[in-house]
Amino acid sequence: MECADRIAGLMAEMTLEPIKLMRERTVLTSVTVRVLSEGHRFDLEVRKRWPDGVTRPAVYLWSLREVGEDGAEMADGTRLDSGETVYGDPEDAYWAAVESVICAA
């Protein structure tokens, strides 16, 4: 494995850490992380919802928006979301968002 691959793997793990915490912590209902893709910056938010009540398993949705170097949303930037699709795991929602932004590029 090359050094660049190791760094990319470590960065992905660091980015995923707060996303993974959503599984364990009921009070953590939304996490936003910065994702880089081909020179573009995105704020990716994963949200937790309980459509059938808090006694039932949570579901996760995602949305992302392209931001500039200052973190402000770009007026003509890319905006994507999971729409009607929900995920049973926050990490699955994260990877679906990453895949969507790669496909949109």
C-alpha atoms as a PDB file:
ATOM      1  CA  MET A   1       0.000   0.000   0.000  1.00  0.00           C
ATOM      2  CA  GLU A   2       1.390   3.382  -0.964  1.00  0.00           C
ATOM      3  CA  CYS A   3       1.721   6.251   1.459  1.00  0.00           C
ATOM      4  CA  ALA A   4      -1.021   8.248  -0.311  1.00  0.00           C
ATOM      5  CA  ASP A   5      -3.409   5.312   0.053  1.00  0.00           C
ATOM      6  CA  ARG A   6      -2.641   5.044   3.767  1.00  0.00           C
ATOM      7  CA  ILE A   7      -3.234   8.746   4.266  1.00  0.00           C
ATOM      8  CA  ALA A   8      -6.531   8.560   2.368  1.00  0.00           C
ATOM      9  CA  GLY A   9      -7.601   5.605   4.513  1.00  0.00           C
ATOM     10  CA  LEU A  10      -6.714   7.408   7.738  1.00  0.00           C
ATOM     11  CA  MET A  11      -8.573  10.533   6.609  1.00  0.00           C
ATOM     12  CA  ALA A  12     -11.676   8.478   5.808  1.00  0.00           C
ATOM     13  CA  GLU A  13     -11.561   6.833   9.248  1.00  0.00           C
ATOM     14  CA  MET A  14     -11.187  10.211  10.983  1.00  0.00           C
ATOM     15  CA  THR A  15     -14.098  11.633   8.986  1.00  0.00           C
ATOM     16  CA  LEU A  16     -16.281   8.618   9.788  1.00  0.00           C
ATOM     17  CA  GLU A  17     -15.653   8.677  13.540  1.00  0.00           C
ATOM     18  CA  PRO A  18     -18.447  11.160  14.439  1.00  0.00           C
ATOM     19  CA  ILE A  19     -20.772   9.463  11.932  1.00  0.00           C
ATOM     20  CA  LYS A  20     -20.258   6.107  13.660  1.00  0.00           C
ATOM     21  CA  LEU A  21     -21.027   7.677  17.053  1.00  0.00           C
ATOM     22  CA  MET A  22     -24.574   8.359  15.877  1.00  0.00           C
ATOM     23  CA  ARG A  23     -25.324   4.615  16.253  1.00  0.00           C
ATOM     24  CA  GLU A  24     -24.513   4.657  19.948  1.00  0.00           C
ATOM     25  CA  ARG A  25     -25.673   8.070  21.110  1.00  0.00           C
ATOM     26  CA  THR A  26     -29.381   8.799  20.992  1.00  0.00           C
ATOM     27  CA  VAL A  27     -28.860  12.526  21.557  1.00  0.00           C
ATOM     28  CA  LEU A  28     -26.567  12.793  18.549  1.00  0.00           C
ATOM     29  CA  THR A  29     -29.142  13.365  15.811  1.00  0.00           C
ATOM     30  CA  SER A  30     -27.087  15.183  13.176  1.00  0.00           C
ATOM     31  CA  VAL A  31     -23.429  15.245  12.138  1.00  0.00           C
ATOM     32  CA  THR A  32     -21.823  17.384   9.451  1.00  0.00           C
ATOM     33  CA  VAL A  33     -18.401  16.502   8.052  1.00  0.00           C
ATOM     34  CA  ARG A  34     -16.286  17.995   5.288  1.00  0.00           C
ATOM     35  CA  VAL A  35     -15.748  15.801   2.229  1.00  0.00           C
ATOM     36  CA  LEU A  36     -13.287  16.546  -0.552  1.00  0.00           C
ATOM     37  CA  SER A  37     -13.826  15.274  -4.076  1.00  0.00           C
ATOM     38  CA  GLU A  38     -11.768  16.174  -7.113  1.00  0.00           C
ATOM     39  CA  GLY A  39     -10.862  19.636  -5.834  1.00  0.00           C
ATOM     40  CA  HIS A  40     -14.359  20.436  -4.550  1.00  0.00           C
ATOM     41  CA  ARG A  41     -15.405  20.778  -0.908  1.00  0.00           C
ATOM     42  CA  PHE A  42     -18.727  19.527   0.418  1.00  0.00           C
ATOM     43  CA  ASP A  43     -20.433  19.703   3.775  1.00  0.00           C
ATOM     44  CA  LEU A  44     -22.106  16.323   4.192  1.00  0.00           C
ATOM     45  CA  GLU A  45     -24.775  16.067   6.857  1.00  0.00           C
ATOM     46  CA  VAL A  46     -26.108  12.749   8.142  1.00  0.00           C
ATOM     47  CA  ARG A  47     -29.362  13.012  10.121  1.00  0.00           C
ATOM     48  CA  LYS A  48     -31.014  10.486  12.422  1.00  0.00           C
ATOM     49  CA  ARG A  49     -34.815  10.152  12.487  1.00  0.00           C
ATOM     50  CA  TRP A  50     -37.323   7.858  14.202  1.00  0.00           C
ATOM     51  CA  PRO A  51     -40.289   7.685  11.792  1.00  0.00           C
ATOM     52  CA  ASP A  52     -42.001   4.969  13.865  1.00  0.00           C
ATOM     53  CA  GLY A  53     -41.190   6.441  17.290  1.00  0.00           C
ATOM     54  CA  VAL A  54     -38.133   6.318  19.532  1.00  0.00           C
ATOM     55  CA  THR A  55     -38.838   2.754  20.605  1.00  0.00           C
ATOM     56  CA  ARG A  56     -38.218   1.587  17.020  1.00  0.00           C
ATOM     57  CA  PRO A  57     -34.857   1.620  15.209  1.00  0.00           C
ATOM     58  CA  ALA A  58     -33.638   4.935  13.837  1.00  0.00           C
ATOM     59  CA  VAL A  59     -33.129   5.614  10.142  1.00  0.00           C
ATOM     60  CA  TYR A  60     -30.531   7.882   8.562  1.00  0.00           C
ATOM     61  CA  LEU A  61     -30.693  10.389   5.714  1.00  0.00           C
ATOM     62  CA  TRP A  62     -28.022  12.541   4.134  1.00  0.00           C
ATOM     63  CA  SER A  63     -27.633  15.853   2.349  1.00  0.00           C
ATOM     64  CA  LEU A  64     -24.632  17.664   1.010  1.00  0.00           C
ATOM     65  CA  ARG A  65     -23.817  21.070  -0.343  1.00  0.00           C
ATOM     66  CA  GLU A  66     -20.745  22.403  -2.068  1.00  0.00           C
ATOM     67  CA  VAL A  67     -18.875  25.042  -0.091  1.00  0.00           C
ATOM     68  CA  GLY A  68     -15.984  27.370  -0.784  1.00  0.00           C
ATOM     69  CA  GLU A  69     -12.682  27.608   1.064  1.00  0.00           C
ATOM     70  CA  ASP A  70     -14.364  29.817   3.668  1.00  0.00           C
ATOM     71  CA  GLY A  71     -17.046  27.193   4.360  1.00  0.00           C
ATOM     72  CA  ALA A  72     -19.849  29.287   2.873  1.00  0.00           C
ATOM     73  CA  GLU A  73     -22.256  27.552   0.537  1.00  0.00           C
ATOM     74  CA  MET A  74     -21.541  28.208  -3.119  1.00  0.00           C
ATOM     75  CA  ALA A  75     -24.553  29.764  -4.860  1.00  0.00           C
ATOM     76  CA  ASP A  76     -24.032  27.677  -7.996  1.00  0.00           C
ATOM     77  CA  GLY A  77     -22.537  24.685  -6.210  1.00  0.00           C
ATOM     78  CA  THR A  78     -23.728  21.095  -6.159  1.00  0.00           C
ATOM     79  CA  ARG A  79     -26.560  20.168  -3.760  1.00  0.00           C
ATOM     80  CA  LEU A  80     -27.647  16.558  -3.323  1.00  0.00           C
ATOM     81  CA  ASP A  81     -29.677  14.599  -0.785  1.00  0.00           C
ATOM     82  CA  SER A  82     -30.949  11.104  -0.118  1.00  0.00           C
ATOM     83  CA  GLY A  83     -34.519  12.079  -0.974  1.00  0.00           C
ATOM     84  CA  GLU A  84     -36.962   9.354   0.049  1.00  0.00           C
ATOM     85  CA  THR A  85     -34.171   6.807   0.580  1.00  0.00           C
ATOM     86  CA  VAL A  86     -33.356   6.027   4.209  1.00  0.00           C
ATOM     87  CA  TYR A  87     -30.535   3.909   5.606  1.00  0.00           C
ATOM     88  CA  GLY A  88     -30.439   1.636   8.632  1.00  0.00           C
ATOM     89  CA  ASP A  89     -26.873   2.629   9.492  1.00  0.00           C
ATOM     90  CA  PRO A  90     -25.243   6.086   9.526  1.00  0.00           C
ATOM     91  CA  GLU A  91     -22.134   4.780   7.791  1.00  0.00           C
ATOM     92  CA  ASP A  92     -24.239   3.463   4.909  1.00  0.00           C
ATOM     93  CA  ALA A  93     -25.786   6.928   4.541  1.00  0.00           C
ATOM     94  CA  TYR A  94     -22.303   8.486   4.475  1.00  0.00           C
ATOM     95  CA  TRP A  95     -21.000   6.152   1.776  1.00  0.00           C
ATOM     96  CA  ALA A  96     -24.147   6.610  -0.325  1.00  0.00           C
ATOM     97  CA  ALA A  97     -23.585  10.377  -0.229  1.00  0.00           C
ATOM     98  CA  VAL A  98     -19.924   9.989  -1.198  1.00  0.00           C
ATOM     99  CA  GLU A  99     -20.902   7.739  -4.099  1.00  0.00           C
ATOM    100  CA  SER A 100     -23.541  10.227  -5.238  1.00  0.00           C
ATOM    101  CA  VAL A 101     -21.110  13.133  -5.325  1.00  0.00           C
ATOM    102  CA  ILE A 102     -18.578  11.042  -7.267  1.00  0.00           C
ATOM    103  CA  CYS A 103     -21.262  10.094  -9.795  1.00  0.00           C
ATOM    104  CA  ALA A 104     -22.411  13.706 -10.093  1.00  0.00           C
ATOM    105  CA  ALA A 105     -18.909  14.943 -10.941  1.00  0.00           C
END
